[in-house]
PDB file of N, CA and C in Angstrom:
ATOM      1  N   MET A   1       0.702  -1.447  -0.145  1.00  0.00           N
ATOM      2  CA  MET A   1      -0.327   0.060   0.034  1.00  0.00           C
ATOM      3  C   MET A   1       0.697   1.286   0.014  1.00  0.00           C
ATOM      4  N   PRO A   2       1.820   1.188   0.723  1.00  0.00           N
ATOM      5  CA  PRO A   2       2.747   2.491   0.470  1.00  0.00           C
ATOM      6  C   PRO A   2       3.428   2.857  -0.843  1.00  0.00           C
ATOM      7  N   VAL A   3       3.610   1.744  -1.632  1.00  0.00           N
ATOM      8  CA  VAL A   3       4.304   1.996  -3.122  1.00  0.00           C
ATOM      9  C   VAL A   3       2.973   2.525  -3.754  1.00  0.00           C
ATOM     10  N   LEU A   4       1.797   2.339  -3.609  1.00  0.00           N
ATOM     11  CA  LEU A   4       0.926   2.778  -4.424  1.00  0.00           C
ATOM     12  C   LEU A   4       0.821   4.299  -3.876  1.00  0.00           C
ATOM     13  N   THR A   5       0.581   4.512  -2.784  1.00  0.00           N
ATOM     14  CA  THR A   5       0.593   5.973  -2.243  1.00  0.00           C
ATOM     15  C   THR A   5       1.627   6.769  -2.726  1.00  0.00           C
ATOM     16  N   LEU A   6       2.896   6.280  -2.620  1.00  0.00           N
ATOM     17  CA  LEU A   6       4.015   7.043  -3.317  1.00  0.00           C
ATOM     18  C   LEU A   6       4.041   7.431  -4.827  1.00  0.00           C
ATOM     19  N   LEU A   7       3.386   6.354  -5.396  1.00  0.00           N
ATOM     20  CA  LEU A   7       3.382   6.373  -6.927  1.00  0.00           C
ATOM     21  C   LEU A   7       2.517   7.443  -7.444  1.00  0.00           C
ATOM     22  N   SER A   8       1.143   7.340  -6.404  1.00  0.00           N
ATOM     23  CA  SER A   8       0.018   8.254  -6.887  1.00  0.00           C
ATOM     24  C   SER A   8       0.834   9.773  -6.310  1.00  0.00           C
ATOM     25  N   ALA A   9       1.327  10.171  -5.332  1.00  0.00           N
ATOM     26  CA  ALA A   9       2.060  11.174  -5.139  1.00  0.00           C
ATOM     27  C   ALA A   9       2.947  11.980  -6.178  1.00  0.00           C
ATOM     28  N   VAL A  10       3.917  10.685  -6.507  1.00  0.00           N
ATOM     29  CA  VAL A  10       4.563  11.338  -7.965  1.00  0.00           C
ATOM     30  C   VAL A  10       4.150  11.701  -8.962  1.00  0.00           C
ATOM     31  N   CYS A  11       2.546  11.031  -9.192  1.00  0.00           N
ATOM     32  CA  CYS A  11       2.477  11.400 -10.558  1.00  0.00           C
ATOM     33  C   CYS A  11       1.534  12.741 -10.301  1.00  0.00           C
ATOM     34  N   VAL A  12       1.113  12.890  -9.297  1.00  0.00           N
ATOM     35  CA  VAL A  12       0.346  14.081  -9.231  1.00  0.00           C
ATOM     36  C   VAL A  12       1.179  15.323  -9.172  1.00  0.00           C
ATOM     37  N   VAL A  13       2.257  15.253  -8.506  1.00  0.00           N
ATOM     38  CA  VAL A  13       3.611  16.003  -8.290  1.00  0.00           C
ATOM     39  C   VAL A  13       4.124  16.318 -10.075  1.00  0.00           C
ATOM     40  N   THR A  14       4.233  15.306 -10.605  1.00  0.00           N
ATOM     41  CA  THR A  14       4.583  15.651 -12.042  1.00  0.00           C
ATOM     42  C   THR A  14       3.201  16.307 -12.494  1.00  0.00           C
ATOM     43  N   PHE A  15       2.426  16.114 -12.754  1.00  0.00           N
ATOM     44  CA  PHE A  15       1.225  16.554 -13.300  1.00  0.00           C
ATOM     45  C   PHE A  15       1.230  18.004 -13.020  1.00  0.00           C
ATOM     46  N   GLU A  16       1.219  18.340 -11.671  1.00  0.00           N
ATOM     47  CA  GLU A  16       1.494  19.865 -10.923  1.00  0.00           C
ATOM     48  C   GLU A  16       2.332  20.369 -11.796  1.00  0.00           C
ATOM     49  N   GLN A  17       3.898  20.217 -11.699  1.00  0.00           N
ATOM     50  CA  GLN A  17       4.865  20.634 -12.226  1.00  0.00           C
ATOM     51  C   GLN A  17       4.628  21.060 -13.729  1.00  0.00           C
ATOM     52  N   LEU A  18       3.948  19.962 -14.325  1.00  0.00           N
ATOM     53  CA  LEU A  18       3.821  20.502 -15.776  1.00  0.00           C
ATOM     54  C   LEU A  18       2.811  21.438 -16.091  1.00  0.00           C
ATOM     55  N   VAL A  19       1.793  21.594 -15.447  1.00  0.00           N
ATOM     56  CA  VAL A  19       0.964  22.528 -15.517  1.00  0.00           C
ATOM     57  C   VAL A  19       1.618  23.789 -15.300  1.00  0.00           C
ATOM     58  N   GLN A  20       2.404  23.762 -14.045  1.00  0.00           N
ATOM     59  CA  GLN A  20       3.032  25.346 -13.781  1.00  0.00           C
ATOM     60  C   GLN A  20       3.786  25.775 -14.719  1.00  0.00           C
ATOM     61  N   TRP A  21       4.691  24.599 -15.313  1.00  0.00           N
ATOM     62  CA  TRP A  21       5.750  25.034 -16.481  1.00  0.00           C
ATOM     63  C   TRP A  21       4.903  25.635 -17.816  1.00  0.00           C
ATOM     64  N   GLN A  22       3.985  24.961 -17.908  1.00  0.00           N
ATOM     65  CA  GLN A  22       3.218  25.363 -19.175  1.00  0.00           C
ATOM     66  C   GLN A  22       2.335  26.322 -19.435  1.00  0.00           C
ATOM     67  N   TYR A  23       1.515  26.585 -18.039  1.00  0.00           N
ATOM     68  CA  TYR A  23       0.545  27.584 -17.773  1.00  0.00           C
ATOM     69  C   TYR A  23       0.830  28.850 -16.747  1.00  0.00           C
ATOM     70  N   GLY A  24       1.871  28.482 -16.136  1.00  0.00           N
ATOM     71  CA  GLY A  24       2.293  29.362 -14.966  1.00  0.00           C
ATOM     72  C   GLY A  24       1.472  29.731 -13.739  1.00  0.00           C
ATOM     73  N   PRO A  25       1.582  30.495 -12.840  1.00  0.00           N
ATOM     74  CA  PRO A  25       0.932  30.355 -11.688  1.00  0.00           C
ATOM     75  C   PRO A  25      -0.974  30.489 -11.763  1.00  0.00           C
ATOM     76  N   ALA A  26      -1.415  30.939 -13.061  1.00  0.00           N
ATOM     77  CA  ALA A  26      -2.918  31.103 -13.188  1.00  0.00           C
ATOM     78  C   ALA A  26      -3.157  29.476 -13.574  1.00  0.00           C
ATOM     79  N   GLY A  27      -2.156  28.739 -14.382  1.00  0.00           N
ATOM     80  CA  GLY A  27      -2.613  27.150 -14.462  1.00  0.00           C
ATOM     81  C   GLY A  27      -2.729  26.536 -13.005  1.00  0.00           C
ATOM     82  N   ILE A  28      -1.746  26.734 -12.030  1.00  0.00           N
ATOM     83  CA  ILE A  28      -1.955  25.930 -10.775  1.00  0.00           C
ATOM     84  C   ILE A  28      -3.070  26.459 -10.149  1.00  0.00           C
ATOM     85  N   ALA A  29      -3.498  28.157 -10.384  1.00  0.00           N
ATOM     86  CA  ALA A  29      -4.694  28.676  -9.337  1.00  0.00           C
ATOM     87  C   ALA A  29      -5.857  27.470 -10.046  1.00  0.00           C
ATOM     88  N   GLY A  30      -6.183  27.406 -11.363  1.00  0.00           N
ATOM     89  CA  GLY A  30      -7.384  26.741 -11.790  1.00  0.00           C
ATOM     90  C   GLY A  30      -7.344  25.324 -11.418  1.00  0.00           C
ATOM     91  N   LEU A  31      -6.045  24.713 -11.550  1.00  0.00           N
ATOM     92  CA  LEU A  31      -6.225  23.243 -11.064  1.00  0.00           C
ATOM     93  C   LEU A  31      -6.259  23.133  -9.865  1.00  0.00           C
ATOM     94  N   LEU A  32      -5.944  24.185  -8.971  1.00  0.00           N
ATOM     95  CA  LEU A  32      -6.374  23.898  -7.147  1.00  0.00           C
ATOM     96  C   LEU A  32      -7.616  24.283  -6.995  1.00  0.00           C
ATOM     97  N   LEU A  33      -8.281  25.363  -7.797  1.00  0.00           N
ATOM     98  CA  LEU A  33      -9.645  25.497  -7.657  1.00  0.00           C
ATOM     99  C   LEU A  33     -10.608  24.398  -8.012  1.00  0.00           C
ATOM    100  N   LEU A  34     -10.222  23.648  -9.410  1.00  0.00           N
ATOM    101  CA  LEU A  34     -10.863  22.651  -9.529  1.00  0.00           C
ATOM    102  C   LEU A  34     -10.515  21.066  -8.761  1.00  0.00           C
ATOM    103  N   THR A  35      -9.708  21.172  -8.298  1.00  0.00           N
ATOM    104  CA  THR A  35      -9.418  20.270  -7.309  1.00  0.00           C
ATOM    105  C   THR A  35     -10.093  20.261  -5.970  1.00  0.00           C
ATOM    106  N   ILE A  36     -10.283  21.681  -5.278  1.00  0.00           N
ATOM    107  CA  ILE A  36     -10.896  21.792  -4.104  1.00  0.00           C
ATOM    108  C   ILE A  36     -12.320  21.523  -4.331  1.00  0.00           C
ATOM    109  N   GLY A  37     -12.675  22.329  -5.504  1.00  0.00           N
ATOM    110  CA  GLY A  37     -14.155  22.077  -5.622  1.00  0.00           C
ATOM    111  C   GLY A  37     -14.718  20.593  -5.764  1.00  0.00           C
ATOM    112  N   ALA A  38     -13.924  20.000  -6.432  1.00  0.00           N
ATOM    113  CA  ALA A  38     -14.368  18.426  -6.226  1.00  0.00           C
ATOM    114  C   ALA A  38     -14.214  17.618  -5.262  1.00  0.00           C
ATOM    115  N   ARG A  39     -13.107  18.067  -4.200  1.00  0.00           N
ATOM    116  CA  ARG A  39     -13.024  17.440  -3.085  1.00  0.00           C
ATOM    117  C   ARG A  39     -14.412  18.088  -1.952  1.00  0.00           C
ATOM    118  N   THR A  40     -14.803  19.227  -2.359  1.00  0.00           N
ATOM    119  CA  THR A  40     -15.879  19.569  -1.256  1.00  0.00           C
ATOM    120  C   THR A  40     -17.123  19.460  -1.778  1.00  0.00           C
ATOM    121  N   LYS A  41     -17.381  18.880  -3.072  1.00  0.00           N
ATOM    122  CA  LYS A  41     -18.471  18.814  -3.942  1.00  0.00           C
ATOM    123  C   LYS A  41     -18.882  20.389  -3.955  1.00  0.00           C
ATOM    124  N   SER A  42     -18.294  21.371  -4.261  1.00  0.00           N
ATOM    125  CA  SER A  42     -18.663  22.637  -4.450  1.00  0.00           C
ATOM    126  C   SER A  42     -18.855  22.895  -5.953  1.00  0.00           C
ATOM    127  N   PRO A  43     -19.905  23.036  -6.454  1.00  0.00           N
ATOM    128  CA  PRO A  43     -20.176  23.290  -7.846  1.00  0.00           C
ATOM    129  C   PRO A  43     -19.604  24.690  -8.335  1.00  0.00           C
ATOM    130  N   THR A  44     -19.427  25.624  -7.311  1.00  0.00           N
ATOM    131  CA  THR A  44     -19.016  26.998  -7.633  1.00  0.00           C
ATOM    132  C   THR A  44     -17.519  27.200  -8.089  1.00  0.00           C
ATOM    133  N   CYS A  45     -16.812  26.422  -6.928  1.00  0.00           N
ATOM    134  CA  CYS A  45     -15.252  26.350  -6.810  1.00  0.00           C
ATOM    135  C   CYS A  45     -14.688  25.655  -7.909  1.00  0.00           C
ATOM    136  N   SER A  46     -15.340  24.379  -8.466  1.00  0.00           N
ATOM    137  CA  SER A  46     -14.846  23.531  -9.254  1.00  0.00           C
ATOM    138  C   SER A  46     -15.306  24.072 -10.839  1.00  0.00           C
ATOM    139  N   SER A  47     -16.328  24.946 -10.798  1.00  0.00           N
ATOM    140  CA  SER A  47     -16.560  25.342 -12.340  1.00  0.00           C
ATOM    141  C   SER A  47     -15.730  26.699 -12.551  1.00  0.00           C
ATOM    142  N   VAL A  48     -15.249  27.424 -11.407  1.00  0.00           N
ATOM    143  CA  VAL A  48     -14.398  28.282 -11.503  1.00  0.00           C
ATOM    144  C   VAL A  48     -12.802  27.821 -11.842  1.00  0.00           C
ATOM    145  N   GLY A  49     -12.515  26.805 -11.380  1.00  0.00           N
ATOM    146  CA  GLY A  49     -11.307  26.213 -11.789  1.00  0.00           C
ATOM    147  C   GLY A  49     -11.323  25.424 -13.038  1.00  0.00           C
ATOM    148  N   ALA A  50     -12.617  25.055 -13.417  1.00  0.00           N
ATOM    149  CA  ALA A  50     -12.604  24.513 -14.960  1.00  0.00           C
ATOM    150  C   ALA A  50     -12.590  25.340 -15.973  1.00  0.00           C
ATOM    151  N   VAL A  51     -13.354  26.443 -15.634  1.00  0.00           N
ATOM    152  CA  VAL A  51     -13.263  27.926 -16.497  1.00  0.00           C
ATOM    153  C   VAL A  51     -11.823  28.404 -16.871  1.00  0.00           C
ATOM    154  N   LEU A  52     -11.389  28.704 -16.067  1.00  0.00           N
ATOM    155  CA  LEU A  52      -9.891  29.009 -15.815  1.00  0.00           C
ATOM    156  C   LEU A  52      -9.077  28.304 -16.427  1.00  0.00           C
ATOM    157  N   LEU A  53      -9.095  27.097 -16.470  1.00  0.00           N
ATOM    158  CA  LEU A  53      -8.291  25.877 -17.047  1.00  0.00           C
ATOM    159  C   LEU A  53      -8.545  26.136 -18.658  1.00  0.00           C
ATOM    160  N   ALA A  54      -9.787  26.088 -18.978  1.00  0.00           N
ATOM    161  CA  ALA A  54     -10.291  26.182 -20.351  1.00  0.00           C
ATOM    162  C   ALA A  54      -9.778  27.347 -20.774  1.00  0.00           C
ATOM    163  N   LEU A  55      -9.867  28.358 -20.194  1.00  0.00           N
ATOM    164  CA  LEU A  55      -9.288  29.645 -20.713  1.00  0.00           C
ATOM    165  C   LEU A  55      -7.787  29.637 -21.041  1.00  0.00           C
ATOM    166  N   MET A  56      -6.945  29.214 -20.029  1.00  0.00           N
ATOM    167  CA  MET A  56      -5.641  28.963 -20.341  1.00  0.00           C
ATOM    168  C   MET A  56      -5.347  27.734 -21.544  1.00  0.00           C
ATOM    169  N   LEU A  57      -6.254  26.776 -21.841  1.00  0.00           N
ATOM    170  CA  LEU A  57      -5.925  25.896 -22.759  1.00  0.00           C
ATOM    171  C   LEU A  57      -6.461  26.625 -24.241  1.00  0.00           C
ATOM    172  N   ALA A  58      -7.199  27.625 -24.162  1.00  0.00           N
ATOM    173  CA  ALA A  58      -7.907  28.226 -25.197  1.00  0.00           C
ATOM    174  C   ALA A  58      -7.330  29.372 -26.021  1.00  0.00           C
ATOM    175  N   ARG A  59      -6.029  30.023 -25.092  1.00  0.00           N
ATOM    176  CA  ARG A  59      -5.350  31.094 -25.615  1.00  0.00           C
ATOM    177  C   ARG A  59      -4.415  30.735 -26.456  1.00  0.00           C
ATOM    178  N   PRO A  60      -4.138  31.499 -27.673  1.00  0.00           N
ATOM    179  CA  PRO A  60      -3.286  31.071 -28.592  1.00  0.00           C
ATOM    180  C   PRO A  60      -1.727  31.064 -28.005  1.00  0.00           C
ATOM    181  N   ALA A  61      -0.918  30.382 -28.582  1.00  0.00           N
ATOM    182  CA  ALA A  61       0.268  30.087 -28.022  1.00  0.00           C
ATOM    183  C   ALA A  61       1.329  31.263 -28.530  1.00  0.00           C
ATOM    184  N   LEU A  62       2.154  31.601 -27.599  1.00  0.00           N
ATOM    185  CA  LEU A  62       2.909  32.881 -27.884  1.00  0.00           C
ATOM    186  C   LEU A  62       3.923  32.497 -28.409  1.00  0.00           C
TER     187      LEU A  62
END
């Protein structure tokens, strides 16, 4: 069981670092809002996070 927990933590941290590298602090804020909203079952918080991430994905590459 500890191996599964460690592997899960590594995957989450890797995904978080990729989002931060690609989209900066706004991407991390959107991911955080989406995660908090899903965990607390708050539709407002998760919707704001999802919209922020969608806007980050929709903006043209520089």
